[in-house]
């Protein structure tokens, strides 16, 4: 019996080893014969490395001395996978668990499709496993973020079509190595947030397609570590969206982004003057994100 294509599954861990363990266990239960799990530890400051090595001695664990961010952390895993002749790459958040047939469906469709594509599974909420977390979406340039799309909708069986979308979340992206060789890896300057948007838009610009494969299913916890840091969340969201706009938006959409920035600017001034300490942090993140974008400061946030 011929061996199916080799898939490298890249998990990025930063301190959250409990999530990584649950994700890896779900991966090991998959109905697929040829895959490798790569855990990239992104400079964890706890015992993640020791615990994961003891729990999964058979899994390749790559250690980074520092936190490289989502982009470069995943790029470390992608480079390793390409060197080891993987046919496909599956970039997967460590706070997910997968349906046991996820790779079967993704590989089957990708092998039967002649287009170069980025594929995404249908993502449900981990704690609400019939509610859609993501089926892909597009950008709301005026509001400086993606449209909510199907997020939050109960799945009553209507999301079954393989459809093309503009962007998918980086929580679960599946692609043939040829796509990465054509469009490149994640752009490290983002550090984190909107790097998935950039990759998907680069894919479209290069003539590839971004396709939802809804038979493939992933469950996402969605409580990102960054969510505990409102300043950094708004900083990276704002700075990186402006970078996305400069790189990918047409003139009309750039106008919408500038208009949206002004509207949000007024709201954040009010928050900063009258808000509580949390709202002040969010407002400061917004304004520092704008400042650093225009100063050309990308990469990891460095406080002056």
C-alpha atoms as a PDB file:
ATOM      1  CA  UNK A   1       0.000   0.000   0.000  1.00  0.00           C
ATOM      2  CA  UNK A   2       1.417   3.373  -1.034  1.00  0.00           C
ATOM      3  CA  UNK A   3       2.295   5.767   1.793  1.00  0.00           C
ATOM      4  CA  UNK A   4       0.207   8.972   1.765  1.00  0.00           C
ATOM      5  CA  UNK A   5       1.921  12.377   1.531  1.00  0.00           C
ATOM      6  CA  UNK A   6       3.957  13.441   4.543  1.00  0.00           C
ATOM      7  CA  UNK A   7       2.427  16.201   6.678  1.00  0.00           C
ATOM      8  CA  UNK A   8       4.406  18.254   9.196  1.00  0.00           C
ATOM      9  CA  UNK A   9       2.188  19.640  11.969  1.00  0.00           C
ATOM     10  CA  UNK A  10       3.710  22.697  13.638  1.00  0.00           C
ATOM     11  CA  UNK A  11       2.679  23.561  17.204  1.00  0.00           C
ATOM     12  CA  UNK A  12       4.021  26.701  18.833  1.00  0.00           C
ATOM     13  CA  UNK A  13       4.251  26.525  22.631  1.00  0.00           C
ATOM     14  CA  UNK A  14       4.811  29.456  24.947  1.00  0.00           C
ATOM     15  CA  UNK A  15       4.340  28.433  28.582  1.00  0.00           C
ATOM     16  CA  UNK A  16       0.933  26.811  27.900  1.00  0.00           C
ATOM     17  CA  UNK A  17       2.151  23.205  27.983  1.00  0.00           C
ATOM     18  CA  UNK A  18      -1.240  21.906  29.222  1.00  0.00           C
ATOM     19  CA  UNK A  19      -2.876  23.050  25.978  1.00  0.00           C
ATOM     20  CA  UNK A  20      -0.013  21.663  23.912  1.00  0.00           C
ATOM     21  CA  UNK A  21      -0.349  18.264  25.590  1.00  0.00           C
ATOM     22  CA  UNK A  22      -4.089  18.088  24.883  1.00  0.00           C
ATOM     23  CA  UNK A  23      -3.548  19.152  21.269  1.00  0.00           C
ATOM     24  CA  UNK A  24      -0.747  16.610  20.708  1.00  0.00           C
ATOM     25  CA  UNK A  25      -2.853  13.794  22.183  1.00  0.00           C
ATOM     26  CA  UNK A  26      -5.679  14.608  19.754  1.00  0.00           C
ATOM     27  CA  UNK A  27      -3.184  14.615  16.873  1.00  0.00           C
ATOM     28  CA  UNK A  28      -1.824  11.222  17.852  1.00  0.00           C
ATOM     29  CA  UNK A  29      -5.357   9.796  17.618  1.00  0.00           C
ATOM     30  CA  UNK A  30      -5.810  10.880  13.973  1.00  0.00           C
ATOM     31  CA  UNK A  31      -6.727   8.438  11.215  1.00  0.00           C
ATOM     32  CA  UNK A  32      -3.746   9.303   9.038  1.00  0.00           C
ATOM     33  CA  UNK A  33      -0.610   7.296   8.444  1.00  0.00           C
ATOM     34  CA  UNK A  34       2.180   9.745   7.576  1.00  0.00           C
ATOM     35  CA  UNK A  35       2.660  12.824   9.697  1.00  0.00           C
ATOM     36  CA  UNK A  36       5.243  14.388  11.992  1.00  0.00           C
ATOM     37  CA  UNK A  37       4.459  16.632  14.947  1.00  0.00           C
ATOM     38  CA  UNK A  38       6.918  19.474  15.510  1.00  0.00           C
ATOM     39  CA  UNK A  39       6.657  21.407  18.766  1.00  0.00           C
ATOM     40  CA  UNK A  40       8.509  24.714  18.726  1.00  0.00           C
ATOM     41  CA  UNK A  41       8.976  26.031  22.255  1.00  0.00           C
ATOM     42  CA  UNK A  42       9.013  29.801  21.914  1.00  0.00           C
ATOM     43  CA  UNK A  43      11.290  30.697  24.829  1.00  0.00           C
ATOM     44  CA  UNK A  44       8.969  29.472  27.602  1.00  0.00           C
ATOM     45  CA  UNK A  45       9.811  30.755  31.063  1.00  0.00           C
ATOM     46  CA  UNK A  46       8.295  27.794  32.921  1.00  0.00           C
ATOM     47  CA  UNK A  47       8.984  24.034  32.799  1.00  0.00           C
ATOM     48  CA  UNK A  48       7.288  23.547  29.411  1.00  0.00           C
ATOM     49  CA  UNK A  49      10.320  22.045  27.683  1.00  0.00           C
ATOM     50  CA  UNK A  50      11.028  19.477  30.398  1.00  0.00           C
ATOM     51  CA  UNK A  51       7.366  18.507  30.758  1.00  0.00           C
ATOM     52  CA  UNK A  52       6.782  18.152  27.009  1.00  0.00           C
ATOM     53  CA  UNK A  53       9.979  16.150  26.487  1.00  0.00           C
ATOM     54  CA  UNK A  54       8.983  13.754  29.262  1.00  0.00           C
ATOM     55  CA  UNK A  55       5.402  13.440  27.993  1.00  0.00           C
ATOM     56  CA  UNK A  56       6.272  13.036  24.298  1.00  0.00           C
ATOM     57  CA  UNK A  57       9.847  11.698  23.892  1.00  0.00           C
ATOM     58  CA  UNK A  58       8.964  10.629  20.333  1.00  0.00           C
ATOM     59  CA  UNK A  59       7.970  14.152  19.196  1.00  0.00           C
ATOM     60  CA  UNK A  60      10.572  16.541  17.776  1.00  0.00           C
ATOM     61  CA  UNK A  61      10.846  19.534  20.111  1.00  0.00           C
ATOM     62  CA  UNK A  62      12.738  22.591  18.872  1.00  0.00           C
ATOM     63  CA  UNK A  63      13.809  25.041  21.573  1.00  0.00           C
ATOM     64  CA  UNK A  64      14.119  28.774  21.010  1.00  0.00           C
ATOM     65  CA  UNK A  65      16.118  30.755  23.550  1.00  0.00           C
ATOM     66  CA  UNK A  66      13.740  33.696  23.281  1.00  0.00           C
ATOM     67  CA  UNK A  67      10.143  34.463  22.351  1.00  0.00           C
ATOM     68  CA  UNK A  68      10.295  34.937  18.579  1.00  0.00           C
ATOM     69  CA  UNK A  69       6.593  35.758  18.265  1.00  0.00           C
ATOM     70  CA  UNK A  70       3.968  33.807  16.359  1.00  0.00           C
ATOM     71  CA  UNK A  71       5.509  34.532  12.975  1.00  0.00           C
ATOM     72  CA  UNK A  72       9.140  33.613  13.418  1.00  0.00           C
ATOM     73  CA  UNK A  73       8.314  30.857  15.910  1.00  0.00           C
ATOM     74  CA  UNK A  74       6.219  29.104  13.273  1.00  0.00           C
ATOM     75  CA  UNK A  75       8.831  29.873  10.613  1.00  0.00           C
ATOM     76  CA  UNK A  76      11.356  27.869  12.664  1.00  0.00           C
ATOM     77  CA  UNK A  77       9.019  24.878  12.416  1.00  0.00           C
ATOM     78  CA  UNK A  78       8.317  25.476   8.712  1.00  0.00           C
ATOM     79  CA  UNK A  79      12.038  25.538   7.880  1.00  0.00           C
ATOM     80  CA  UNK A  80      12.577  22.297   9.781  1.00  0.00           C
ATOM     81  CA  UNK A  81       9.651  20.666   7.956  1.00  0.00           C
ATOM     82  CA  UNK A  82      10.920  21.715   4.528  1.00  0.00           C
ATOM     83  CA  UNK A  83      14.402  20.366   5.288  1.00  0.00           C
ATOM     84  CA  UNK A  84      12.823  17.049   6.243  1.00  0.00           C
ATOM     85  CA  UNK A  85      10.973  16.741   2.940  1.00  0.00           C
ATOM     86  CA  UNK A  86       7.437  17.223   4.183  1.00  0.00           C
ATOM     87  CA  UNK A  87       4.881  17.437   1.379  1.00  0.00           C
ATOM     88  CA  UNK A  88       2.381  19.475   3.388  1.00  0.00           C
ATOM     89  CA  UNK A  89       2.535  21.898   6.319  1.00  0.00           C
ATOM     90  CA  UNK A  90      -0.203  22.216   8.924  1.00  0.00           C
ATOM     91  CA  UNK A  91       0.305  25.275  11.132  1.00  0.00           C
ATOM     92  CA  UNK A  92      -1.881  24.664  14.159  1.00  0.00           C
ATOM     93  CA  UNK A  93      -2.448  26.652  17.356  1.00  0.00           C
ATOM     94  CA  UNK A  94      -1.536  24.693  20.450  1.00  0.00           C
ATOM     95  CA  UNK A  95      -4.887  25.637  22.054  1.00  0.00           C
ATOM     96  CA  UNK A  96      -6.804  23.477  19.596  1.00  0.00           C
ATOM     97  CA  UNK A  97      -7.862  19.861  19.393  1.00  0.00           C
ATOM     98  CA  UNK A  98      -8.526  18.163  16.077  1.00  0.00           C
ATOM     99  CA  UNK A  99     -11.113  15.782  14.728  1.00  0.00           C
ATOM    100  CA  UNK A 100      -9.461  12.438  14.036  1.00  0.00           C
ATOM    101  CA  UNK A 101     -10.238  12.703  10.303  1.00  0.00           C
ATOM    102  CA  UNK A 102      -8.939  16.246   9.817  1.00  0.00           C
ATOM    103  CA  UNK A 103      -5.821  15.305   7.835  1.00  0.00           C
ATOM    104  CA  UNK A 104      -7.665  12.704   5.763  1.00  0.00           C
ATOM    105  CA  UNK A 105     -10.013  15.366   4.420  1.00  0.00           C
ATOM    106  CA  UNK A 106      -7.402  18.086   3.966  1.00  0.00           C
ATOM    107  CA  UNK A 107      -4.929  15.855   2.153  1.00  0.00           C
ATOM    108  CA  UNK A 108      -7.607  14.145   0.069  1.00  0.00           C
ATOM    109  CA  UNK A 109      -8.953  17.427  -1.261  1.00  0.00           C
ATOM    110  CA  UNK A 110      -5.519  18.990  -1.723  1.00  0.00           C
ATOM    111  CA  UNK A 111      -4.296  15.965  -3.686  1.00  0.00           C
ATOM    112  CA  UNK A 112      -7.316  16.095  -5.978  1.00  0.00           C
ATOM    113  CA  UNK A 113      -6.992  19.839  -6.576  1.00  0.00           C
ATOM    114  CA  UNK A 114      -4.620  21.151  -9.226  1.00  0.00           C
ATOM    115  CA  UNK A 115      -4.615  24.731  -7.866  1.00  0.00           C
ATOM    116  CA  UNK A 116      -1.978  25.975  -5.464  1.00  0.00           C
ATOM    117  CA  UNK A 117      -3.925  26.777  -2.302  1.00  0.00           C
ATOM    118  CA  UNK A 118      -3.972  27.570   1.347  1.00  0.00           C
ATOM    119  CA  UNK A 119      -6.621  25.356   2.937  1.00  0.00           C
ATOM    120  CA  UNK A 120      -8.401  25.801   6.237  1.00  0.00           C
ATOM    121  CA  UNK A 121     -10.611  23.455   8.236  1.00  0.00           C
ATOM    122  CA  UNK A 122     -13.907  24.518   9.731  1.00  0.00           C
ATOM    123  CA  UNK A 123     -13.160  25.720  13.255  1.00  0.00           C
ATOM    124  CA  UNK A 124     -15.618  25.331  16.117  1.00  0.00           C
ATOM    125  CA  UNK A 125     -15.351  26.760  19.610  1.00  0.00           C
ATOM    126  CA  UNK A 126     -13.791  24.204  21.955  1.00  0.00           C
ATOM    127  CA  UNK A 127     -16.364  24.834  24.697  1.00  0.00           C
ATOM    128  CA  UNK A 128     -19.280  25.159  22.229  1.00  0.00           C
ATOM    129  CA  UNK A 129     -18.543  22.391  19.728  1.00  0.00           C
ATOM    130  CA  UNK A 130     -21.495  23.112  17.424  1.00  0.00           C
ATOM    131  CA  UNK A 131     -20.845  26.869  17.186  1.00  0.00           C
ATOM    132  CA  UNK A 132     -18.638  28.243  14.404  1.00  0.00           C
ATOM    133  CA  UNK A 133     -15.426  29.982  15.406  1.00  0.00           C
ATOM    134  CA  UNK A 134     -14.249  30.481  11.820  1.00  0.00           C
ATOM    135  CA  UNK A 135     -15.126  29.530   8.272  1.00  0.00           C
ATOM    136  CA  UNK A 136     -12.903  32.268   6.853  1.00  0.00           C
ATOM    137  CA  UNK A 137     -13.787  35.890   6.206  1.00  0.00           C
ATOM    138  CA  UNK A 138     -12.651  39.142   4.581  1.00  0.00           C
ATOM    139  CA  UNK A 139     -11.421  42.497   5.888  1.00  0.00           C
ATOM    140  CA  UNK A 140     -13.521  45.373   7.193  1.00  0.00           C
ATOM    141  CA  UNK A 141     -11.138  48.169   6.244  1.00  0.00           C
ATOM    142  CA  UNK A 142     -13.191  50.869   7.971  1.00  0.00           C
ATOM    143  CA  UNK A 143     -13.233  49.064  11.333  1.00  0.00           C
ATOM    144  CA  UNK A 144      -9.568  48.024  11.073  1.00  0.00           C
ATOM    145  CA  UNK A 145     -10.278  44.327  11.541  1.00  0.00           C
ATOM    146  CA  UNK A 146     -11.747  41.289   9.795  1.00  0.00           C
ATOM    147  CA  UNK A 147     -15.504  40.917   9.461  1.00  0.00           C
ATOM    148  CA  UNK A 148     -16.958  38.552  12.026  1.00  0.00           C
ATOM    149  CA  UNK A 149     -18.246  36.272   9.250  1.00  0.00           C
ATOM    150  CA  UNK A 150     -19.913  33.077  10.490  1.00  0.00           C
ATOM    151  CA  UNK A 151     -18.276  33.363  13.931  1.00  0.00           C
ATOM    152  CA  UNK A 152     -20.816  32.672  16.678  1.00  0.00           C
ATOM    153  CA  UNK A 153     -23.371  30.967  14.416  1.00  0.00           C
ATOM    154  CA  UNK A 154     -24.797  27.599  15.351  1.00  0.00           C
ATOM    155  CA  UNK A 155     -23.867  25.052  12.693  1.00  0.00           C
ATOM    156  CA  UNK A 156     -27.114  23.502  11.537  1.00  0.00           C
ATOM    157  CA  UNK A 157     -25.465  21.680   8.667  1.00  0.00           C
ATOM    158  CA  UNK A 158     -25.338  24.575   6.201  1.00  0.00           C
ATOM    159  CA  UNK A 159     -21.533  24.970   6.223  1.00  0.00           C
ATOM    160  CA  UNK A 160     -20.659  22.034   4.005  1.00  0.00           C
ATOM    161  CA  UNK A 161     -19.495  23.632   0.755  1.00  0.00           C
ATOM    162  CA  UNK A 162     -15.849  24.013  -0.197  1.00  0.00           C
ATOM    163  CA  UNK A 163     -15.683  27.774  -0.723  1.00  0.00           C
ATOM    164  CA  UNK A 164     -13.045  30.378  -1.463  1.00  0.00           C
ATOM    165  CA  UNK A 165     -12.440  33.071   1.169  1.00  0.00           C
ATOM    166  CA  UNK A 166     -10.016  35.984   1.418  1.00  0.00           C
ATOM    167  CA  UNK A 167      -8.460  35.157   4.775  1.00  0.00           C
ATOM    168  CA  UNK A 168      -8.333  32.426   7.412  1.00  0.00           C
ATOM    169  CA  UNK A 169      -7.085  32.549  11.000  1.00  0.00           C
ATOM    170  CA  UNK A 170      -3.590  31.289  11.723  1.00  0.00           C
ATOM    171  CA  UNK A 171      -5.098  28.858  14.251  1.00  0.00           C
ATOM    172  CA  UNK A 172      -5.213  26.218  11.497  1.00  0.00           C
ATOM    173  CA  UNK A 173      -3.622  26.693   8.075  1.00  0.00           C
ATOM    174  CA  UNK A 174      -2.806  23.795   5.760  1.00  0.00           C
ATOM    175  CA  UNK A 175      -0.741  24.118   2.593  1.00  0.00           C
ATOM    176  CA  UNK A 176       1.492  22.278   0.197  1.00  0.00           C
ATOM    177  CA  UNK A 177       5.162  23.106   0.533  1.00  0.00           C
ATOM    178  CA  UNK A 178       5.016  24.584  -2.994  1.00  0.00           C
ATOM    179  CA  UNK A 179       2.855  27.440  -1.690  1.00  0.00           C
ATOM    180  CA  UNK A 180       5.431  28.454   0.928  1.00  0.00           C
ATOM    181  CA  UNK A 181       8.182  28.147  -1.673  1.00  0.00           C
ATOM    182  CA  UNK A 182       6.170  30.475  -3.940  1.00  0.00           C
ATOM    183  CA  UNK A 183       4.909  33.137  -1.506  1.00  0.00           C
ATOM    184  CA  UNK A 184       7.320  32.796   1.427  1.00  0.00           C
ATOM    185  CA  UNK A 185       6.742  32.157   5.122  1.00  0.00           C
ATOM    186  CA  UNK A 186       5.113  34.414   7.721  1.00  0.00           C
ATOM    187  CA  UNK A 187       6.557  37.912   7.655  1.00  0.00           C
ATOM    188  CA  UNK A 188       8.479  38.168  10.924  1.00  0.00           C
ATOM    189  CA  UNK A 189       7.950  41.933  11.196  1.00  0.00           C
ATOM    190  CA  UNK A 190       4.369  41.364  12.349  1.00  0.00           C
ATOM    191  CA  UNK A 191       5.624  39.440  15.417  1.00  0.00           C
ATOM    192  CA  UNK A 192       1.999  38.439  16.058  1.00  0.00           C
ATOM    193  CA  UNK A 193      -1.544  39.410  14.999  1.00  0.00           C
ATOM    194  CA  UNK A 194      -2.588  39.839  11.333  1.00  0.00           C
ATOM    195  CA  UNK A 195       0.345  37.751  10.076  1.00  0.00           C
ATOM    196  CA  UNK A 196      -2.237  35.184   8.905  1.00  0.00           C
ATOM    197  CA  UNK A 197      -4.103  37.912   7.018  1.00  0.00           C
ATOM    198  CA  UNK A 198      -0.908  38.941   5.264  1.00  0.00           C
ATOM    199  CA  UNK A 199      -0.066  35.346   4.304  1.00  0.00           C
ATOM    200  CA  UNK A 200      -3.531  34.742   2.870  1.00  0.00           C
ATOM    201  CA  UNK A 201      -3.525  38.014   0.918  1.00  0.00           C
ATOM    202  CA  UNK A 202      -0.060  37.241  -0.452  1.00  0.00           C
ATOM    203  CA  UNK A 203      -1.437  33.868  -1.497  1.00  0.00           C
ATOM    204  CA  UNK A 204      -4.267  35.531  -3.425  1.00  0.00           C
ATOM    205  CA  UNK A 205      -1.928  38.074  -5.007  1.00  0.00           C
ATOM    206  CA  UNK A 206       0.300  35.253  -6.210  1.00  0.00           C
ATOM    207  CA  UNK A 207      -2.627  33.589  -7.993  1.00  0.00           C
ATOM    208  CA  UNK A 208      -3.238  30.935  -5.349  1.00  0.00           C
ATOM    209  CA  UNK A 209      -6.615  30.258  -3.768  1.00  0.00           C
ATOM    210  CA  UNK A 210      -7.638  30.207  -0.107  1.00  0.00           C
ATOM    211  CA  UNK A 211     -10.180  27.430   0.331  1.00  0.00           C
ATOM    212  CA  UNK A 212     -12.326  26.267   3.236  1.00  0.00           C
ATOM    213  CA  UNK A 213     -12.563  22.469   3.542  1.00  0.00           C
ATOM    214  CA  UNK A 214     -15.505  22.175   5.986  1.00  0.00           C
ATOM    215  CA  UNK A 215     -15.347  18.376   6.297  1.00  0.00           C
ATOM    216  CA  UNK A 216     -12.044  18.904   8.144  1.00  0.00           C
ATOM    217  CA  UNK A 217     -12.781  20.074  11.691  1.00  0.00           C
ATOM    218  CA  UNK A 218     -10.748  21.713  14.469  1.00  0.00           C
ATOM    219  CA  UNK A 219     -11.900  22.940  17.895  1.00  0.00           C
ATOM    220  CA  UNK A 220     -10.311  26.149  19.203  1.00  0.00           C
ATOM    221  CA  UNK A 221     -10.156  27.384  22.790  1.00  0.00           C
ATOM    222  CA  UNK A 222      -9.486  30.984  21.580  1.00  0.00           C
ATOM    223  CA  UNK A 223      -8.165  32.282  24.913  1.00  0.00           C
ATOM    224  CA  UNK A 224      -4.868  33.503  23.484  1.00  0.00           C
ATOM    225  CA  UNK A 225      -2.085  34.394  25.885  1.00  0.00           C
ATOM    226  CA  UNK A 226      -1.974  37.831  24.279  1.00  0.00           C
ATOM    227  CA  UNK A 227      -5.608  38.364  25.314  1.00  0.00           C
ATOM    228  CA  UNK A 228      -4.423  38.811  28.870  1.00  0.00           C
ATOM    229  CA  UNK A 229      -2.482  41.894  27.731  1.00  0.00           C
ATOM    230  CA  UNK A 230      -4.918  44.544  26.405  1.00  0.00           C
ATOM    231  CA  UNK A 231      -2.183  47.079  25.680  1.00  0.00           C
ATOM    232  CA  UNK A 232      -0.158  44.693  23.513  1.00  0.00           C
ATOM    233  CA  UNK A 233      -3.256  43.302  21.803  1.00  0.00           C
ATOM    234  CA  UNK A 234      -4.366  46.754  20.654  1.00  0.00           C
ATOM    235  CA  UNK A 235      -0.806  47.807  19.868  1.00  0.00           C
ATOM    236  CA  UNK A 236      -0.105  44.909  17.503  1.00  0.00           C
ATOM    237  CA  UNK A 237      -3.642  44.949  16.062  1.00  0.00           C
ATOM    238  CA  UNK A 238      -3.421  48.634  15.187  1.00  0.00           C
ATOM    239  CA  UNK A 239       0.168  48.783  13.957  1.00  0.00           C
ATOM    240  CA  UNK A 240      -0.078  45.614  11.906  1.00  0.00           C
ATOM    241  CA  UNK A 241      -3.432  46.467  10.343  1.00  0.00           C
ATOM    242  CA  UNK A 242      -2.012  49.762   9.102  1.00  0.00           C
ATOM    243  CA  UNK A 243       0.867  47.772   7.618  1.00  0.00           C
ATOM    244  CA  UNK A 244      -1.608  45.389   5.955  1.00  0.00           C
ATOM    245  CA  UNK A 245      -3.440  48.388   4.502  1.00  0.00           C
ATOM    246  CA  UNK A 246      -0.294  49.970   3.099  1.00  0.00           C
ATOM    247  CA  UNK A 247       0.753  46.660   1.592  1.00  0.00           C
ATOM    248  CA  UNK A 248      -2.544  45.280   0.270  1.00  0.00           C
ATOM    249  CA  UNK A 249      -5.340  47.902   0.187  1.00  0.00           C
ATOM    250  CA  UNK A 250      -6.431  49.767  -2.933  1.00  0.00           C
ATOM    251  CA  UNK A 251      -6.846  53.540  -2.794  1.00  0.00           C
ATOM    252  CA  UNK A 252     -10.482  53.458  -1.706  1.00  0.00           C
ATOM    253  CA  UNK A 253      -9.808  50.952   1.063  1.00  0.00           C
ATOM    254  CA  UNK A 254      -6.809  52.997   2.208  1.00  0.00           C
ATOM    255  CA  UNK A 255      -9.172  55.969   2.492  1.00  0.00           C
ATOM    256  CA  UNK A 256     -11.499  53.817   4.640  1.00  0.00           C
ATOM    257  CA  UNK A 257      -8.584  52.844   6.871  1.00  0.00           C
ATOM    258  CA  UNK A 258      -7.571  56.486   7.404  1.00  0.00           C
ATOM    259  CA  UNK A 259     -11.188  57.405   8.145  1.00  0.00           C
ATOM    260  CA  UNK A 260     -11.525  54.500  10.572  1.00  0.00           C
ATOM    261  CA  UNK A 261      -8.265  55.458  12.276  1.00  0.00           C
ATOM    262  CA  UNK A 262      -9.572  58.985  12.858  1.00  0.00           C
ATOM    263  CA  UNK A 263     -12.901  57.730  14.256  1.00  0.00           C
ATOM    264  CA  UNK A 264     -11.209  55.230  16.571  1.00  0.00           C
ATOM    265  CA  UNK A 265      -8.685  57.897  17.507  1.00  0.00           C
ATOM    266  CA  UNK A 266     -11.447  60.136  18.874  1.00  0.00           C
ATOM    267  CA  UNK A 267     -12.950  57.203  20.806  1.00  0.00           C
ATOM    268  CA  UNK A 268      -9.583  56.269  22.281  1.00  0.00           C
ATOM    269  CA  UNK A 269      -8.880  59.868  23.345  1.00  0.00           C
ATOM    270  CA  UNK A 270     -12.141  59.756  25.316  1.00  0.00           C
ATOM    271  CA  UNK A 271     -11.144  56.386  26.810  1.00  0.00           C
ATOM    272  CA  UNK A 272      -7.737  57.688  27.770  1.00  0.00           C
ATOM    273  CA  UNK A 273      -9.115  60.812  29.435  1.00  0.00           C
ATOM    274  CA  UNK A 274     -12.198  59.378  31.141  1.00  0.00           C
ATOM    275  CA  UNK A 275     -11.721  55.606  31.174  1.00  0.00           C
ATOM    276  CA  UNK A 276     -10.563  53.176  33.836  1.00  0.00           C
ATOM    277  CA  UNK A 277      -7.008  51.813  33.925  1.00  0.00           C
ATOM    278  CA  UNK A 278      -7.837  48.984  31.501  1.00  0.00           C
ATOM    279  CA  UNK A 279      -9.361  51.367  28.962  1.00  0.00           C
ATOM    280  CA  UNK A 280      -6.340  53.664  29.275  1.00  0.00           C
ATOM    281  CA  UNK A 281      -4.050  50.722  28.414  1.00  0.00           C
ATOM    282  CA  UNK A 282      -6.155  49.884  25.359  1.00  0.00           C
ATOM    283  CA  UNK A 283      -6.075  53.529  24.209  1.00  0.00           C
ATOM    284  CA  UNK A 284      -2.317  53.776  24.744  1.00  0.00           C
ATOM    285  CA  UNK A 285      -1.825  50.603  22.700  1.00  0.00           C
ATOM    286  CA  UNK A 286      -3.781  52.153  19.835  1.00  0.00           C
ATOM    287  CA  UNK A 287      -1.767  55.376  19.758  1.00  0.00           C
ATOM    288  CA  UNK A 288       1.609  53.694  20.211  1.00  0.00           C
ATOM    289  CA  UNK A 289       0.699  51.277  17.415  1.00  0.00           C
ATOM    290  CA  UNK A 290       0.025  54.211  15.074  1.00  0.00           C
ATOM    291  CA  UNK A 291       3.237  55.931  16.163  1.00  0.00           C
ATOM    292  CA  UNK A 292       5.416  52.886  15.568  1.00  0.00           C
ATOM    293  CA  UNK A 293       3.809  52.148  12.200  1.00  0.00           C
ATOM    294  CA  UNK A 294       4.701  55.617  10.927  1.00  0.00           C
ATOM    295  CA  UNK A 295       8.170  55.352  12.468  1.00  0.00           C
ATOM    296  CA  UNK A 296       8.659  52.074  10.598  1.00  0.00           C
ATOM    297  CA  UNK A 297       9.069  50.076  13.810  1.00  0.00           C
ATOM    298  CA  UNK A 298       7.936  46.507  13.244  1.00  0.00           C
ATOM    299  CA  UNK A 299       8.799  43.309  15.110  1.00  0.00           C
ATOM    300  CA  UNK A 300       8.529  42.869  18.869  1.00  0.00           C
ATOM    301  CA  UNK A 301       7.264  45.837  20.897  1.00  0.00           C
ATOM    302  CA  UNK A 302      10.079  47.575  22.741  1.00  0.00           C
ATOM    303  CA  UNK A 303       9.102  50.077  25.372  1.00  0.00           C
ATOM    304  CA  UNK A 304      11.067  53.300  25.103  1.00  0.00           C
END
